[in-house]
Amino acid sequence: MASSLDFISEFEWVFSLTFAPDKFSDLYWRIFNFNLLPNPYHLECFRKHCVDTGHRMQEFFRLDNLLQEIWKEDISYAYLVGFLHDVTKPLVERIDGLGQQSFRGHAQV
């Protein structure tokens, strides 16, 4: 993974490789424009969370040499697992009467 990219550029690059905007336009823009509201589980914005989790998973799986194969353009499967783990949250987002987001079922989408 190219470490010279800032997290916004990295998110945009990996996300466009995963969900090409010309093939998945509605899905792409719905996820691309999403953000998490402040909450105790995620202290960073959605894009940074996806990128950071991708890096953490890559390092974690590297310990046992798991999922180190390259998926596409220097992106390992381990990184991709972490990057995509919350990407369906925008599809199941609910906001309650107190303004709190919930994402029941995002892991099954």
PDB file of N, CA and C in Angstrom:
ATOM      1  N   MET A   1       0.844  -1.177   0.000  1.00  0.00           N
ATOM      2  CA  MET A   1       0.000   0.000   0.000  1.00  0.00           C
ATOM      3  C   MET A   1       0.886   1.237   0.000  1.00  0.00           C
ATOM      4  N   ALA A   2       0.575   2.164  -0.855  1.00  0.00           N
ATOM      5  CA  ALA A   2       1.368   3.385  -0.961  1.00  0.00           C
ATOM      6  C   ALA A   2       1.152   4.258   0.263  1.00  0.00           C
ATOM      7  N   SER A   3       2.183   4.415   1.079  1.00  0.00           N
ATOM      8  CA  SER A   3       2.042   5.166   2.324  1.00  0.00           C
ATOM      9  C   SER A   3       2.090   6.675   2.109  1.00  0.00           C
ATOM     10  N   SER A   4       2.416   7.120   0.900  1.00  0.00           N
ATOM     11  CA  SER A   4       2.519   8.553   0.664  1.00  0.00           C
ATOM     12  C   SER A   4       1.154   9.219   0.470  1.00  0.00           C
ATOM     13  N   LEU A   5       0.107   8.433   0.321  1.00  0.00           N
ATOM     14  CA  LEU A   5      -1.222   9.010   0.141  1.00  0.00           C
ATOM     15  C   LEU A   5      -1.793   9.463   1.486  1.00  0.00           C
ATOM     16  N   ASP A   6      -2.473  10.599   1.493  1.00  0.00           N
ATOM     17  CA  ASP A   6      -3.203  10.981   2.688  1.00  0.00           C
ATOM     18  C   ASP A   6      -4.474  10.131   2.740  1.00  0.00           C
ATOM     19  N   PHE A   7      -5.133  10.066   3.879  1.00  0.00           N
ATOM     20  CA  PHE A   7      -6.247   9.139   4.028  1.00  0.00           C
ATOM     21  C   PHE A   7      -7.410   9.455   3.092  1.00  0.00           C
ATOM     22  N   ILE A   8      -7.639  10.715   2.763  1.00  0.00           N
ATOM     23  CA  ILE A   8      -8.738  11.049   1.852  1.00  0.00           C
ATOM     24  C   ILE A   8      -8.436  10.524   0.457  1.00  0.00           C
ATOM     25  N   SER A   9      -7.228  10.781  -0.040  1.00  0.00           N
ATOM     26  CA  SER A   9      -6.844  10.276  -1.368  1.00  0.00           C
ATOM     27  C   SER A   9      -6.826   8.750  -1.389  1.00  0.00           C
ATOM     28  N   GLU A  10      -6.351   8.152  -0.300  1.00  0.00           N
ATOM     29  CA  GLU A  10      -6.301   6.695  -0.231  1.00  0.00           C
ATOM     30  C   GLU A  10      -7.709   6.103  -0.247  1.00  0.00           C
ATOM     31  N   PHE A  11      -8.613   6.696   0.528  1.00  0.00           N
ATOM     32  CA  PHE A  11      -9.997   6.217   0.525  1.00  0.00           C
ATOM     33  C   PHE A  11     -10.580   6.305  -0.878  1.00  0.00           C
ATOM     34  N   GLU A  12     -10.431   7.456  -1.520  1.00  0.00           N
ATOM     35  CA  GLU A  12     -11.003   7.656  -2.855  1.00  0.00           C
ATOM     36  C   GLU A  12     -10.419   6.663  -3.850  1.00  0.00           C
ATOM     37  N   TRP A  13      -9.121   6.413  -3.784  1.00  0.00           N
ATOM     38  CA  TRP A  13      -8.458   5.484  -4.696  1.00  0.00           C
ATOM     39  C   TRP A  13      -8.966   4.059  -4.495  1.00  0.00           C
ATOM     40  N   VAL A  14      -8.917   3.563  -3.258  1.00  0.00           N
ATOM     41  CA  VAL A  14      -9.327   2.185  -2.989  1.00  0.00           C
ATOM     42  C   VAL A  14     -10.818   2.017  -3.246  1.00  0.00           C
ATOM     43  N   PHE A  15     -11.609   2.985  -2.818  1.00  0.00           N
ATOM     44  CA  PHE A  15     -13.057   2.875  -2.998  1.00  0.00           C
ATOM     45  C   PHE A  15     -13.432   2.842  -4.479  1.00  0.00           C
ATOM     46  N   SER A  16     -12.774   3.661  -5.304  1.00  0.00           N
ATOM     47  CA  SER A  16     -13.100   3.664  -6.741  1.00  0.00           C
ATOM     48  C   SER A  16     -12.663   2.368  -7.422  1.00  0.00           C
ATOM     49  N   LEU A  17     -11.633   1.702  -6.904  1.00  0.00           N
ATOM     50  CA  LEU A  17     -11.247   0.398  -7.436  1.00  0.00           C
ATOM     51  C   LEU A  17     -12.246  -0.682  -7.033  1.00  0.00           C
ATOM     52  N   THR A  18     -12.854  -0.513  -5.869  1.00  0.00           N
ATOM     53  CA  THR A  18     -13.788  -1.501  -5.340  1.00  0.00           C
ATOM     54  C   THR A  18     -15.178  -1.344  -5.944  1.00  0.00           C
ATOM     55  N   PHE A  19     -15.664  -0.127  -5.996  1.00  0.00           N
ATOM     56  CA  PHE A  19     -16.984   0.179  -6.546  1.00  0.00           C
ATOM     57  C   PHE A  19     -16.806   1.244  -7.623  1.00  0.00           C
ATOM     58  N   ALA A  20     -16.528   0.810  -8.827  1.00  0.00           N
ATOM     59  CA  ALA A  20     -16.282   1.762  -9.919  1.00  0.00           C
ATOM     60  C   ALA A  20     -17.494   2.682 -10.091  1.00  0.00           C
ATOM     61  N   PRO A  21     -17.284   4.003 -10.041  1.00  0.00           N
ATOM     62  CA  PRO A  21     -18.413   4.932 -10.112  1.00  0.00           C
ATOM     63  C   PRO A  21     -19.211   4.831 -11.405  1.00  0.00           C
ATOM     64  N   ASP A  22     -18.586   4.402 -12.480  1.00  0.00           N
ATOM     65  CA  ASP A  22     -19.319   4.280 -13.744  1.00  0.00           C
ATOM     66  C   ASP A  22     -20.167   3.007 -13.801  1.00  0.00           C
ATOM     67  N   LYS A  23     -19.881   2.030 -12.947  1.00  0.00           N
ATOM     68  CA  LYS A  23     -20.649   0.778 -12.934  1.00  0.00           C
ATOM     69  C   LYS A  23     -21.650   0.717 -11.788  1.00  0.00           C
ATOM     70  N   PHE A  24     -21.337   1.362 -10.682  1.00  0.00           N
ATOM     71  CA  PHE A  24     -22.175   1.318  -9.482  1.00  0.00           C
ATOM     72  C   PHE A  24     -22.468   2.743  -9.012  1.00  0.00           C
ATOM     73  N   SER A  25     -22.961   3.572  -9.888  1.00  0.00           N
ATOM     74  CA  SER A  25     -23.075   5.004  -9.614  1.00  0.00           C
ATOM     75  C   SER A  25     -23.854   5.320  -8.333  1.00  0.00           C
ATOM     76  N   ASP A  26     -25.074   4.805  -8.193  1.00  0.00           N
ATOM     77  CA  ASP A  26     -25.884   5.123  -7.010  1.00  0.00           C
ATOM     78  C   ASP A  26     -25.227   4.633  -5.731  1.00  0.00           C
ATOM     79  N   LEU A  27     -24.771   3.398  -5.743  1.00  0.00           N
ATOM     80  CA  LEU A  27     -24.103   2.817  -4.578  1.00  0.00           C
ATOM     81  C   LEU A  27     -22.828   3.583  -4.250  1.00  0.00           C
ATOM     82  N   TYR A  28     -22.053   3.863  -5.281  1.00  0.00           N
ATOM     83  CA  TYR A  28     -20.794   4.587  -5.096  1.00  0.00           C
ATOM     84  C   TYR A  28     -21.032   5.906  -4.376  1.00  0.00           C
ATOM     85  N   TRP A  29     -21.934   6.734  -4.880  1.00  0.00           N
ATOM     86  CA  TRP A  29     -22.121   8.065  -4.307  1.00  0.00           C
ATOM     87  C   TRP A  29     -22.785   8.022  -2.940  1.00  0.00           C
ATOM     88  N   ARG A  30     -23.650   7.041  -2.717  1.00  0.00           N
ATOM     89  CA  ARG A  30     -24.287   6.922  -1.404  1.00  0.00           C
ATOM     90  C   ARG A  30     -23.240   6.629  -0.319  1.00  0.00           C
ATOM     91  N   ILE A  31     -22.313   5.735  -0.614  1.00  0.00           N
ATOM     92  CA  ILE A  31     -21.266   5.395   0.346  1.00  0.00           C
ATOM     93  C   ILE A  31     -20.201   6.481   0.385  1.00  0.00           C
ATOM     94  N   PHE A  32     -19.817   6.992  -0.779  1.00  0.00           N
ATOM     95  CA  PHE A  32     -18.754   8.001  -0.865  1.00  0.00           C
ATOM     96  C   PHE A  32     -19.089   9.251  -0.043  1.00  0.00           C
ATOM     97  N   ASN A  33     -20.346   9.661  -0.040  1.00  0.00           N
ATOM     98  CA  ASN A  33     -20.750  10.891   0.647  1.00  0.00           C
ATOM     99  C   ASN A  33     -21.169  10.691   2.100  1.00  0.00           C
ATOM    100  N   PHE A  34     -21.084   9.481   2.595  1.00  0.00           N
ATOM    101  CA  PHE A  34     -21.513   9.166   3.956  1.00  0.00           C
ATOM    102  C   PHE A  34     -20.491   9.629   4.989  1.00  0.00           C
ATOM    103  N   ASN A  35     -20.984   9.948   6.174  1.00  0.00           N
ATOM    104  CA  ASN A  35     -20.088  10.195   7.297  1.00  0.00           C
ATOM    105  C   ASN A  35     -20.759   9.749   8.586  1.00  0.00           C
ATOM    106  N   LEU A  36     -19.945   9.369   9.533  1.00  0.00           N
ATOM    107  CA  LEU A  36     -20.416   8.979  10.851  1.00  0.00           C
ATOM    108  C   LEU A  36     -20.681  10.223  11.683  1.00  0.00           C
ATOM    109  N   LEU A  37     -21.737  10.190  12.473  1.00  0.00           N
ATOM    110  CA  LEU A  37     -21.954  11.234  13.462  1.00  0.00           C
ATOM    111  C   LEU A  37     -21.042  10.934  14.652  1.00  0.00           C
ATOM    112  N   PRO A  38     -20.686  11.928  15.437  1.00  0.00           N
ATOM    113  CA  PRO A  38     -19.838  11.659  16.600  1.00  0.00           C
ATOM    114  C   PRO A  38     -20.466  10.576  17.490  1.00  0.00           C
ATOM    115  N   ASN A  39     -19.645   9.608  17.888  1.00  0.00           N
ATOM    116  CA  ASN A  39     -20.131   8.517  18.726  1.00  0.00           C
ATOM    117  C   ASN A  39     -18.947   7.893  19.466  1.00  0.00           C
ATOM    118  N   PRO A  40     -19.227   7.134  20.524  1.00  0.00           N
ATOM    119  CA  PRO A  40     -18.126   6.571  21.315  1.00  0.00           C
ATOM    120  C   PRO A  40     -17.371   5.439  20.626  1.00  0.00           C
ATOM    121  N   TYR A  41     -17.884   4.912  19.518  1.00  0.00           N
ATOM    122  CA  TYR A  41     -17.257   3.770  18.850  1.00  0.00           C
ATOM    123  C   TYR A  41     -16.286   4.175  17.742  1.00  0.00           C
ATOM    124  N   HIS A  42     -16.495   5.328  17.163  1.00  0.00           N
ATOM    125  CA  HIS A  42     -15.660   5.795  16.058  1.00  0.00           C
ATOM    126  C   HIS A  42     -15.278   7.243  16.332  1.00  0.00           C
ATOM    127  N   LEU A  43     -14.023   7.461  16.617  1.00  0.00           N
ATOM    128  CA  LEU A  43     -13.565   8.803  16.944  1.00  0.00           C
ATOM    129  C   LEU A  43     -13.121   9.577  15.712  1.00  0.00           C
ATOM    130  N   GLU A  44     -13.014   8.885  14.568  1.00  0.00           N
ATOM    131  CA  GLU A  44     -12.572   9.543  13.353  1.00  0.00           C
ATOM    132  C   GLU A  44     -13.702   9.526  12.324  1.00  0.00           C
ATOM    133  N   CYS A  45     -13.523  10.253  11.233  1.00  0.00           N
ATOM    134  CA  CYS A  45     -14.527  10.270  10.179  1.00  0.00           C
ATOM    135  C   CYS A  45     -14.556   8.899   9.472  1.00  0.00           C
ATOM    136  N   PHE A  46     -15.612   8.657   8.742  1.00  0.00           N
ATOM    137  CA  PHE A  46     -15.830   7.374   8.073  1.00  0.00           C
ATOM    138  C   PHE A  46     -14.659   6.999   7.161  1.00  0.00           C
ATOM    139  N   ARG A  47     -14.192   7.926   6.342  1.00  0.00           N
ATOM    140  CA  ARG A  47     -13.104   7.629   5.405  1.00  0.00           C
ATOM    141  C   ARG A  47     -11.825   7.250   6.146  1.00  0.00           C
ATOM    142  N   LYS A  48     -11.486   8.007   7.174  1.00  0.00           N
ATOM    143  CA  LYS A  48     -10.276   7.701   7.945  1.00  0.00           C
ATOM    144  C   LYS A  48     -10.432   6.363   8.662  1.00  0.00           C
ATOM    145  N   HIS A  49     -11.614   6.088   9.162  1.00  0.00           N
ATOM    146  CA  HIS A  49     -11.869   4.819   9.831  1.00  0.00           C
ATOM    147  C   HIS A  49     -11.642   3.647   8.874  1.00  0.00           C
ATOM    148  N   CYS A  50     -12.154   3.748   7.659  1.00  0.00           N
ATOM    149  CA  CYS A  50     -11.974   2.670   6.676  1.00  0.00           C
ATOM    150  C   CYS A  50     -10.497   2.461   6.350  1.00  0.00           C
ATOM    151  N   VAL A  51      -9.782   3.544   6.099  1.00  0.00           N
ATOM    152  CA  VAL A  51      -8.358   3.462   5.751  1.00  0.00           C
ATOM    153  C   VAL A  51      -7.544   2.936   6.940  1.00  0.00           C
ATOM    154  N   ASP A  52      -7.778   3.480   8.122  1.00  0.00           N
ATOM    155  CA  ASP A  52      -7.024   3.030   9.303  1.00  0.00           C
ATOM    156  C   ASP A  52      -7.275   1.556   9.596  1.00  0.00           C
ATOM    157  N   THR A  53      -8.519   1.131   9.474  1.00  0.00           N
ATOM    158  CA  THR A  53      -8.841  -0.273   9.735  1.00  0.00           C
ATOM    159  C   THR A  53      -8.198  -1.170   8.683  1.00  0.00           C
ATOM    160  N   GLY A  54      -8.125  -0.699   7.447  1.00  0.00           N
ATOM    161  CA  GLY A  54      -7.413  -1.451   6.410  1.00  0.00           C
ATOM    162  C   GLY A  54      -5.957  -1.664   6.783  1.00  0.00           C
ATOM    163  N   HIS A  55      -5.311  -0.622   7.248  1.00  0.00           N
ATOM    164  CA  HIS A  55      -3.898  -0.735   7.655  1.00  0.00           C
ATOM    165  C   HIS A  55      -3.731  -1.635   8.876  1.00  0.00           C
ATOM    166  N   ARG A  56      -4.638  -1.499   9.851  1.00  0.00           N
ATOM    167  CA  ARG A  56      -4.545  -2.343  11.050  1.00  0.00           C
ATOM    168  C   ARG A  56      -4.735  -3.820  10.701  1.00  0.00           C
ATOM    169  N   MET A  57      -5.676  -4.119   9.825  1.00  0.00           N
ATOM    170  CA  MET A  57      -5.900  -5.511   9.435  1.00  0.00           C
ATOM    171  C   MET A  57      -4.710  -6.051   8.650  1.00  0.00           C
ATOM    172  N   GLN A  58      -4.127  -5.229   7.809  1.00  0.00           N
ATOM    173  CA  GLN A  58      -2.952  -5.664   7.056  1.00  0.00           C
ATOM    174  C   GLN A  58      -1.823  -6.043   8.005  1.00  0.00           C
ATOM    175  N   GLU A  59      -1.590  -5.224   9.009  1.00  0.00           N
ATOM    176  CA  GLU A  59      -0.540  -5.521   9.987  1.00  0.00           C
ATOM    177  C   GLU A  59      -0.892  -6.752  10.826  1.00  0.00           C
ATOM    178  N   PHE A  60      -2.132  -6.858  11.244  1.00  0.00           N
ATOM    179  CA  PHE A  60      -2.567  -7.997  12.053  1.00  0.00           C
ATOM    180  C   PHE A  60      -2.395  -9.313  11.301  1.00  0.00           C
ATOM    181  N   PHE A  61      -2.857  -9.357  10.050  1.00  0.00           N
ATOM    182  CA  PHE A  61      -2.756 -10.585   9.264  1.00  0.00           C
ATOM    183  C   PHE A  61      -1.320 -10.887   8.837  1.00  0.00           C
ATOM    184  N   ARG A  62      -0.491  -9.868   8.761  1.00  0.00           N
ATOM    185  CA  ARG A  62       0.914 -10.076   8.393  1.00  0.00           C
ATOM    186  C   ARG A  62       1.631 -10.934   9.445  1.00  0.00           C
ATOM    187  N   LEU A  63       1.208 -10.841  10.690  1.00  0.00           N
ATOM    188  CA  LEU A  63       1.833 -11.617  11.771  1.00  0.00           C
ATOM    189  C   LEU A  63       1.803 -13.117  11.489  1.00  0.00           C
ATOM    190  N   ASP A  64       0.729 -13.593  10.871  1.00  0.00           N
ATOM    191  CA  ASP A  64       0.601 -15.011  10.534  1.00  0.00           C
ATOM    192  C   ASP A  64       0.676 -15.259   9.027  1.00  0.00           C
ATOM    193  N   ASN A  65       1.125 -14.252   8.300  1.00  0.00           N
ATOM    194  CA  ASN A  65       1.251 -14.333   6.844  1.00  0.00           C
ATOM    195  C   ASN A  65      -0.073 -14.747   6.173  1.00  0.00           C
ATOM    196  N   LEU A  66      -1.157 -14.169   6.630  1.00  0.00           N
ATOM    197  CA  LEU A  66      -2.480 -14.456   6.077  1.00  0.00           C
ATOM    198  C   LEU A  66      -2.952 -13.321   5.179  1.00  0.00           C
ATOM    199  N   LEU A  67      -3.623 -13.652   4.122  1.00  0.00           N
ATOM    200  CA  LEU A  67      -4.244 -12.689   3.204  1.00  0.00           C
ATOM    201  C   LEU A  67      -3.274 -11.630   2.688  1.00  0.00           C
ATOM    202  N   GLN A  68      -2.032 -12.000   2.492  1.00  0.00           N
ATOM    203  CA  GLN A  68      -1.017 -11.057   2.026  1.00  0.00           C
ATOM    204  C   GLN A  68      -0.950 -10.956   0.502  1.00  0.00           C
ATOM    205  N   GLU A  69      -1.699 -11.819  -0.185  1.00  0.00           N
ATOM    206  CA  GLU A  69      -1.712 -11.754  -1.645  1.00  0.00           C
ATOM    207  C   GLU A  69      -2.293 -10.409  -2.083  1.00  0.00           C
ATOM    208  N   ILE A  70      -1.876  -9.963  -3.244  1.00  0.00           N
ATOM    209  CA  ILE A  70      -2.334  -8.676  -3.767  1.00  0.00           C
ATOM    210  C   ILE A  70      -3.657  -8.868  -4.505  1.00  0.00           C
ATOM    211  N   TRP A  71      -4.629  -8.078  -4.104  1.00  0.00           N
ATOM    212  CA  TRP A  71      -5.938  -8.076  -4.763  1.00  0.00           C
ATOM    213  C   TRP A  71      -5.860  -7.270  -6.058  1.00  0.00           C
ATOM    214  N   LYS A  72      -5.380  -6.055  -5.945  1.00  0.00           N
ATOM    215  CA  LYS A  72      -5.313  -5.148  -7.087  1.00  0.00           C
ATOM    216  C   LYS A  72      -4.394  -3.989  -6.731  1.00  0.00           C
ATOM    217  N   GLU A  73      -3.535  -3.585  -7.641  1.00  0.00           N
ATOM    218  CA  GLU A  73      -2.699  -2.377  -7.508  1.00  0.00           C
ATOM    219  C   GLU A  73      -2.067  -2.198  -6.123  1.00  0.00           C
ATOM    220  N   ASP A  74      -1.356  -3.176  -5.647  1.00  0.00           N
ATOM    221  CA  ASP A  74      -0.621  -3.113  -4.386  1.00  0.00           C
ATOM    222  C   ASP A  74      -1.526  -3.125  -3.142  1.00  0.00           C
ATOM    223  N   ILE A  75      -2.783  -3.514  -3.301  1.00  0.00           N
ATOM    224  CA  ILE A  75      -3.718  -3.613  -2.182  1.00  0.00           C
ATOM    225  C   ILE A  75      -3.855  -5.091  -1.817  1.00  0.00           C
ATOM    226  N   SER A  76      -3.493  -5.429  -0.595  1.00  0.00           N
ATOM    227  CA  SER A  76      -3.590  -6.828  -0.167  1.00  0.00           C
ATOM    228  C   SER A  76      -5.036  -7.152   0.217  1.00  0.00           C
ATOM    229  N   TYR A  77      -5.340  -8.439   0.201  1.00  0.00           N
ATOM    230  CA  TYR A  77      -6.663  -8.875   0.652  1.00  0.00           C
ATOM    231  C   TYR A  77      -6.867  -8.525   2.123  1.00  0.00           C
ATOM    232  N   ALA A  78      -5.817  -8.585   2.922  1.00  0.00           N
ATOM    233  CA  ALA A  78      -5.930  -8.233   4.338  1.00  0.00           C
ATOM    234  C   ALA A  78      -6.360  -6.776   4.493  1.00  0.00           C
ATOM    235  N   TYR A  79      -5.741  -5.885   3.742  1.00  0.00           N
ATOM    236  CA  TYR A  79      -6.122  -4.474   3.777  1.00  0.00           C
ATOM    237  C   TYR A  79      -7.573  -4.324   3.342  1.00  0.00           C
ATOM    238  N   LEU A  80      -7.945  -5.010   2.258  1.00  0.00           N
ATOM    239  CA  LEU A  80      -9.296  -4.891   1.714  1.00  0.00           C
ATOM    240  C   LEU A  80     -10.351  -5.335   2.724  1.00  0.00           C
ATOM    241  N   VAL A  81     -10.081  -6.408   3.465  1.00  0.00           N
ATOM    242  CA  VAL A  81     -11.011  -6.875   4.509  1.00  0.00           C
ATOM    243  C   VAL A  81     -11.269  -5.758   5.512  1.00  0.00           C
ATOM    244  N   GLY A  82     -10.221  -5.126   5.985  1.00  0.00           N
ATOM    245  CA  GLY A  82     -10.376  -4.040   6.947  1.00  0.00           C
ATOM    246  C   GLY A  82     -11.060  -2.832   6.342  1.00  0.00           C
ATOM    247  N   PHE A  83     -10.652  -2.466   5.152  1.00  0.00           N
ATOM    248  CA  PHE A  83     -11.216  -1.288   4.476  1.00  0.00           C
ATOM    249  C   PHE A  83     -12.721  -1.422   4.293  1.00  0.00           C
ATOM    250  N   LEU A  84     -13.169  -2.606   3.902  1.00  0.00           N
ATOM    251  CA  LEU A  84     -14.579  -2.810   3.561  1.00  0.00           C
ATOM    252  C   LEU A  84     -15.463  -3.179   4.752  1.00  0.00           C
ATOM    253  N   HIS A  85     -14.890  -3.384   5.931  1.00  0.00           N
ATOM    254  CA  HIS A  85     -15.684  -3.961   7.019  1.00  0.00           C
ATOM    255  C   HIS A  85     -16.892  -3.112   7.427  1.00  0.00           C
ATOM    256  N   ASP A  86     -16.865  -1.813   7.261  1.00  0.00           N
ATOM    257  CA  ASP A  86     -18.008  -0.958   7.618  1.00  0.00           C
ATOM    258  C   ASP A  86     -18.645  -0.274   6.411  1.00  0.00           C
ATOM    259  N   VAL A  87     -18.227  -0.639   5.227  1.00  0.00           N
ATOM    260  CA  VAL A  87     -18.643   0.111   4.042  1.00  0.00           C
ATOM    261  C   VAL A  87     -20.157   0.027   3.769  1.00  0.00           C
ATOM    262  N   THR A  88     -20.838  -0.957   4.317  1.00  0.00           N
ATOM    263  CA  THR A  88     -22.286  -1.050   4.084  1.00  0.00           C
ATOM    264  C   THR A  88     -23.105  -0.267   5.107  1.00  0.00           C
ATOM    265  N   LYS A  89     -22.471   0.353   6.072  1.00  0.00           N
ATOM    266  CA  LYS A  89     -23.215   1.126   7.065  1.00  0.00           C
ATOM    267  C   LYS A  89     -24.162   2.165   6.449  1.00  0.00           C
ATOM    268  N   PRO A  90     -23.761   2.872   5.401  1.00  0.00           N
ATOM    269  CA  PRO A  90     -24.698   3.844   4.825  1.00  0.00           C
ATOM    270  C   PRO A  90     -25.986   3.209   4.282  1.00  0.00           C
ATOM    271  N   LEU A  91     -25.948   1.938   3.942  1.00  0.00           N
ATOM    272  CA  LEU A  91     -27.109   1.277   3.358  1.00  0.00           C
ATOM    273  C   LEU A  91     -28.152   0.885   4.390  1.00  0.00           C
ATOM    274  N   VAL A  92     -27.739   0.785   5.656  1.00  0.00           N
ATOM    275  CA  VAL A  92     -28.671   0.380   6.718  1.00  0.00           C
ATOM    276  C   VAL A  92     -28.801   1.443   7.815  1.00  0.00           C
ATOM    277  N   GLU A  93     -28.273   2.617   7.576  1.00  0.00           N
ATOM    278  CA  GLU A  93     -28.268   3.674   8.586  1.00  0.00           C
ATOM    279  C   GLU A  93     -29.684   4.051   9.024  1.00  0.00           C
ATOM    280  N   ARG A  94     -29.849   4.167  10.324  1.00  0.00           N
ATOM    281  CA  ARG A  94     -31.076   4.672  10.931  1.00  0.00           C
ATOM    282  C   ARG A  94     -30.669   5.726  11.946  1.00  0.00           C
ATOM    283  N   ILE A  95     -31.463   6.784  12.034  1.00  0.00           N
ATOM    284  CA  ILE A  95     -31.208   7.821  13.026  1.00  0.00           C
ATOM    285  C   ILE A  95     -32.428   7.877  13.940  1.00  0.00           C
ATOM    286  N   ASP A  96     -32.195   7.697  15.239  1.00  0.00           N
ATOM    287  CA  ASP A  96     -33.309   7.667  16.194  1.00  0.00           C
ATOM    288  C   ASP A  96     -33.735   9.086  16.568  1.00  0.00           C
ATOM    289  N   GLY A  97     -34.718   9.181  17.437  1.00  0.00           N
ATOM    290  CA  GLY A  97     -35.268  10.474  17.848  1.00  0.00           C
ATOM    291  C   GLY A  97     -34.287  11.355  18.582  1.00  0.00           C
ATOM    292  N   LEU A  98     -33.203  10.777  19.078  1.00  0.00           N
ATOM    293  CA  LEU A  98     -32.166  11.553  19.759  1.00  0.00           C
ATOM    294  C   LEU A  98     -31.017  11.938  18.832  1.00  0.00           C
ATOM    295  N   GLY A  99     -31.146  11.577  17.556  1.00  0.00           N
ATOM    296  CA  GLY A  99     -30.111  11.907  16.582  1.00  0.00           C
ATOM    297  C   GLY A  99     -28.940  10.948  16.558  1.00  0.00           C
ATOM    298  N   GLN A 100     -29.098   9.765  17.176  1.00  0.00           N
ATOM    299  CA  GLN A 100     -28.029   8.769  17.202  1.00  0.00           C
ATOM    300  C   GLN A 100     -28.155   7.823  16.004  1.00  0.00           C
ATOM    301  N   GLN A 101     -27.041   7.562  15.337  1.00  0.00           N
ATOM    302  CA  GLN A 101     -27.017   6.621  14.231  1.00  0.00           C
ATOM    303  C   GLN A 101     -26.969   5.194  14.754  1.00  0.00           C
ATOM    304  N   SER A 102     -27.625   4.302  14.014  1.00  0.00           N
ATOM    305  CA  SER A 102     -27.454   2.871  14.262  1.00  0.00           C
ATOM    306  C   SER A 102     -27.360   2.183  12.909  1.00  0.00           C
ATOM    307  N   PHE A 103     -26.744   1.000  12.909  1.00  0.00           N
ATOM    308  CA  PHE A 103     -26.446   0.320  11.658  1.00  0.00           C
ATOM    309  C   PHE A 103     -26.750  -1.171  11.759  1.00  0.00           C
ATOM    310  N   ARG A 104     -27.891  -1.500  12.342  1.00  0.00           N
ATOM    311  CA  ARG A 104     -28.252  -2.903  12.535  1.00  0.00           C
ATOM    312  C   ARG A 104     -28.255  -3.630  11.195  1.00  0.00           C
ATOM    313  N   GLY A 105     -27.526  -4.744  11.153  1.00  0.00           N
ATOM    314  CA  GLY A 105     -27.483  -5.578   9.960  1.00  0.00           C
ATOM    315  C   GLY A 105     -26.376  -5.244   8.974  1.00  0.00           C
ATOM    316  N   HIS A 106     -25.533  -4.261   9.269  1.00  0.00           N
ATOM    317  CA  HIS A 106     -24.517  -3.883   8.267  1.00  0.00           C
ATOM    318  C   HIS A 106     -23.554  -5.012   7.966  1.00  0.00           C
ATOM    319  N   ALA A 107     -23.302  -5.879   8.901  1.00  0.00           N
ATOM    320  CA  ALA A 107     -22.353  -6.981   8.670  1.00  0.00           C
ATOM    321  C   ALA A 107     -22.933  -8.047   7.740  1.00  0.00           C
ATOM    322  N   GLN A 108     -24.253  -8.097   7.635  1.00  0.00           N
ATOM    323  CA  GLN A 108     -24.878  -9.103   6.774  1.00  0.00           C
ATOM    324  C   GLN A 108     -25.087  -8.612   5.345  1.00  0.00           C
ATOM    325  N   VAL A 109     -24.954  -7.317   5.112  1.00  0.00           N
ATOM    326  CA  VAL A 109     -25.202  -6.782   3.758  1.00  0.00           C
ATOM    327  C   VAL A 109     -24.060  -7.136   2.838  1.00  0.00           C
TER     328      VAL A 109
END
